[in-house]
């Protein structure tokens, strides 16, 4: 009898924990969506371009120094 109760309690706590974590991440995602909707699209596009430029520079440095390719 005690094992049944403890299994039920463990399952209940696990379910509660997964729901709480899911809600936490959904709230963050919803807030980010609101920020993106409210903010100016030009700023987001310029940040995206900066991130892409940094990624391109990193990739070209990696190719140059790890694979001896030069552009």
N, C-alpha and C. Protein backbone atom coordinates (compact mmCIF):
# COMPACT_ATOMS: atom_id res chain seq x y z
N UNK A 1 0.83 -1.20 0.00
CA UNK A 1 0.00 0.00 0.00
C UNK A 1 0.87 1.26 0.00
N UNK A 2 1.94 1.25 0.79
CA UNK A 2 2.82 2.41 0.85
C UNK A 2 3.51 2.64 -0.49
N UNK A 3 3.86 1.56 -1.19
CA UNK A 3 4.53 1.73 -2.47
C UNK A 3 3.60 2.34 -3.51
N UNK A 4 2.32 1.97 -3.48
CA UNK A 4 1.36 2.55 -4.42
C UNK A 4 1.22 4.05 -4.18
N UNK A 5 1.13 4.43 -2.92
CA UNK A 5 0.98 5.84 -2.58
C UNK A 5 2.23 6.61 -2.98
N UNK A 6 3.40 6.04 -2.72
CA UNK A 6 4.63 6.74 -3.06
C UNK A 6 4.79 6.85 -4.58
N UNK A 7 4.38 5.85 -5.33
CA UNK A 7 4.44 5.93 -6.79
C UNK A 7 3.49 7.01 -7.29
N UNK A 8 2.29 7.08 -6.74
CA UNK A 8 1.32 8.10 -7.14
C UNK A 8 1.85 9.50 -6.81
N UNK A 9 2.47 9.64 -5.64
CA UNK A 9 3.02 10.94 -5.24
C UNK A 9 4.16 11.33 -6.17
N UNK A 10 5.03 10.39 -6.49
CA UNK A 10 6.16 10.69 -7.39
C UNK A 10 5.66 11.08 -8.77
N UNK A 11 4.66 10.36 -9.29
CA UNK A 11 4.09 10.71 -10.59
C UNK A 11 3.43 12.09 -10.56
N UNK A 12 2.75 12.38 -9.48
CA UNK A 12 2.10 13.69 -9.36
C UNK A 12 3.11 14.83 -9.32
N UNK A 13 4.17 14.64 -8.56
CA UNK A 13 5.21 15.67 -8.46
C UNK A 13 5.91 15.83 -9.82
N UNK A 14 6.17 14.74 -10.51
CA UNK A 14 6.80 14.80 -11.83
C UNK A 14 5.92 15.55 -12.82
N UNK A 15 4.65 15.26 -12.81
CA UNK A 15 3.71 15.94 -13.70
C UNK A 15 3.65 17.43 -13.38
N UNK A 16 3.56 17.77 -12.11
CA UNK A 16 3.51 19.17 -11.70
C UNK A 16 4.78 19.90 -12.13
N UNK A 17 5.93 19.26 -11.93
CA UNK A 17 7.21 19.88 -12.29
C UNK A 17 7.30 20.12 -13.79
N UNK A 18 6.90 19.16 -14.60
CA UNK A 18 6.97 19.33 -16.05
C UNK A 18 6.03 20.43 -16.53
N UNK A 19 4.86 20.54 -15.94
CA UNK A 19 3.92 21.60 -16.30
C UNK A 19 4.49 22.97 -15.92
N UNK A 20 5.11 23.06 -14.74
CA UNK A 20 5.68 24.32 -14.28
C UNK A 20 6.83 24.77 -15.19
N UNK A 21 7.69 23.85 -15.57
CA UNK A 21 8.81 24.18 -16.46
C UNK A 21 8.29 24.60 -17.83
N UNK A 22 7.31 23.89 -18.34
CA UNK A 22 6.74 24.22 -19.65
C UNK A 22 6.12 25.62 -19.63
N UNK A 23 5.40 25.95 -18.58
CA UNK A 23 4.79 27.28 -18.48
C UNK A 23 5.85 28.36 -18.41
N UNK A 24 6.95 28.08 -17.71
CA UNK A 24 8.03 29.05 -17.58
C UNK A 24 8.59 29.39 -18.95
N UNK A 25 8.88 28.38 -19.76
CA UNK A 25 9.45 28.64 -21.07
C UNK A 25 8.43 29.23 -22.04
N UNK A 26 7.17 28.86 -21.90
CA UNK A 26 6.14 29.47 -22.74
C UNK A 26 6.00 30.94 -22.43
N UNK A 27 6.08 31.32 -21.15
CA UNK A 27 5.99 32.73 -20.78
C UNK A 27 7.14 33.52 -21.37
N UNK A 28 8.36 32.97 -21.33
CA UNK A 28 9.51 33.66 -21.91
C UNK A 28 9.32 33.82 -23.41
N UNK A 29 8.88 32.78 -24.07
CA UNK A 29 8.65 32.83 -25.51
C UNK A 29 7.59 33.87 -25.85
N UNK A 30 6.53 33.91 -25.09
CA UNK A 30 5.46 34.90 -25.34
C UNK A 30 5.98 36.32 -25.16
N UNK A 31 6.80 36.54 -24.14
CA UNK A 31 7.35 37.88 -23.91
C UNK A 31 8.27 38.29 -25.05
N UNK A 32 9.08 37.35 -25.53
CA UNK A 32 9.95 37.67 -26.66
C UNK A 32 9.14 37.99 -27.90
N UNK A 33 8.07 37.26 -28.13
CA UNK A 33 7.20 37.55 -29.27
C UNK A 33 6.61 38.95 -29.19
N UNK A 34 6.20 39.36 -27.99
CA UNK A 34 5.63 40.69 -27.80
C UNK A 34 6.70 41.75 -28.06
N UNK A 35 7.91 41.51 -27.56
CA UNK A 35 8.99 42.47 -27.77
C UNK A 35 9.29 42.62 -29.26
N UNK A 36 9.33 41.51 -29.96
CA UNK A 36 9.61 41.56 -31.39
C UNK A 36 8.48 42.27 -32.13
N UNK A 37 7.24 42.03 -31.73
CA UNK A 37 6.11 42.69 -32.39
C UNK A 37 6.12 44.19 -32.15
N UNK A 38 6.50 44.61 -30.95
CA UNK A 38 6.47 46.03 -30.59
C UNK A 38 7.67 46.79 -31.17
N UNK A 39 8.84 46.16 -31.13
CA UNK A 39 10.05 46.88 -31.53
C UNK A 39 10.08 47.11 -33.04
N UNK A 40 11.01 47.95 -33.42
CA UNK A 40 11.12 48.32 -34.82
C UNK A 40 11.80 47.20 -35.60
N UNK A 41 11.27 46.88 -36.74
CA UNK A 41 11.80 45.80 -37.56
C UNK A 41 13.21 46.12 -38.06
N UNK A 42 13.50 47.39 -38.29
CA UNK A 42 14.83 47.77 -38.77
C UNK A 42 15.91 47.42 -37.76
N UNK A 43 15.63 47.63 -36.48
CA UNK A 43 16.61 47.31 -35.45
C UNK A 43 16.87 45.80 -35.41
N UNK A 44 15.83 45.02 -35.51
CA UNK A 44 15.97 43.57 -35.48
C UNK A 44 16.76 43.10 -36.70
N UNK A 45 16.46 43.68 -37.87
CA UNK A 45 17.18 43.30 -39.08
C UNK A 45 18.65 43.67 -38.99
N UNK A 46 18.96 44.83 -38.41
CA UNK A 46 20.37 45.23 -38.30
C UNK A 46 21.11 44.33 -37.30
N UNK A 47 20.45 43.94 -36.22
CA UNK A 47 21.08 43.01 -35.28
C UNK A 47 21.31 41.65 -35.94
N UNK A 48 20.35 41.21 -36.73
CA UNK A 48 20.49 39.94 -37.45
C UNK A 48 21.66 40.01 -38.42
N UNK A 49 21.81 41.15 -39.11
CA UNK A 49 22.92 41.31 -40.05
C UNK A 49 24.25 41.29 -39.30
N UNK A 50 24.33 41.95 -38.16
CA UNK A 50 25.56 41.94 -37.36
C UNK A 50 25.92 40.52 -36.94
N UNK A 51 24.93 39.78 -36.49
CA UNK A 51 25.18 38.40 -36.07
C UNK A 51 25.67 37.57 -37.24
N UNK A 52 25.08 37.75 -38.40
CA UNK A 52 25.51 37.01 -39.59
C UNK A 52 26.93 37.39 -39.99
N UNK A 53 27.28 38.69 -39.88
CA UNK A 53 28.64 39.12 -40.21
C UNK A 53 29.66 38.51 -39.26
N UNK A 54 29.34 38.49 -37.98
CA UNK A 54 30.24 37.88 -37.00
C UNK A 54 30.41 36.39 -37.29
N UNK A 55 29.33 35.73 -37.61
CA UNK A 55 29.40 34.31 -37.95
C UNK A 55 30.24 34.06 -39.18
N UNK A 56 30.10 34.93 -40.20
CA UNK A 56 30.88 34.78 -41.42
C UNK A 56 32.36 34.97 -41.13
N UNK A 57 32.70 35.98 -40.31
CA UNK A 57 34.11 36.22 -39.97
C UNK A 57 34.68 35.03 -39.21
N UNK A 58 33.90 34.49 -38.29
CA UNK A 58 34.38 33.32 -37.54
C UNK A 58 34.62 32.15 -38.47
N UNK A 59 33.69 31.91 -39.38
CA UNK A 59 33.84 30.79 -40.31
C UNK A 59 35.06 30.97 -41.21
N UNK A 60 35.28 32.19 -41.70
CA UNK A 60 36.42 32.41 -42.58
C UNK A 60 37.73 32.28 -41.81
N UNK A 61 37.78 32.72 -40.54
CA UNK A 61 38.99 32.54 -39.74
C UNK A 61 39.26 31.06 -39.48
N UNK A 62 38.20 30.33 -39.23
CA UNK A 62 38.35 28.90 -39.00
C UNK A 62 38.89 28.21 -40.25
N UNK A 63 38.36 28.57 -41.42
CA UNK A 63 38.85 27.98 -42.66
C UNK A 63 40.30 28.37 -42.91
N UNK A 64 40.65 29.62 -42.59
CA UNK A 64 42.00 30.10 -42.86
C UNK A 64 43.02 29.40 -41.96
N UNK A 65 42.76 29.32 -40.66
CA UNK A 65 43.76 28.81 -39.74
C UNK A 65 43.69 27.30 -39.51
N UNK A 66 42.53 26.70 -39.67
CA UNK A 66 42.44 25.27 -39.44
C UNK A 66 42.59 24.46 -40.72
N UNK A 67 42.20 25.04 -41.87
CA UNK A 67 42.24 24.28 -43.12
C UNK A 67 43.16 24.92 -44.16
N UNK A 68 43.84 26.04 -43.77
CA UNK A 68 44.78 26.77 -44.63
C UNK A 68 44.14 27.26 -45.92
N UNK A 69 42.91 27.68 -45.86
CA UNK A 69 42.24 28.30 -47.01
C UNK A 69 42.27 29.80 -46.80
N UNK A 70 42.52 30.55 -47.85
CA UNK A 70 42.49 31.99 -47.75
C UNK A 70 41.59 32.57 -48.82
N UNK A 71 40.97 33.69 -48.51
CA UNK A 71 40.07 34.33 -49.45
C UNK A 71 40.68 35.60 -49.98
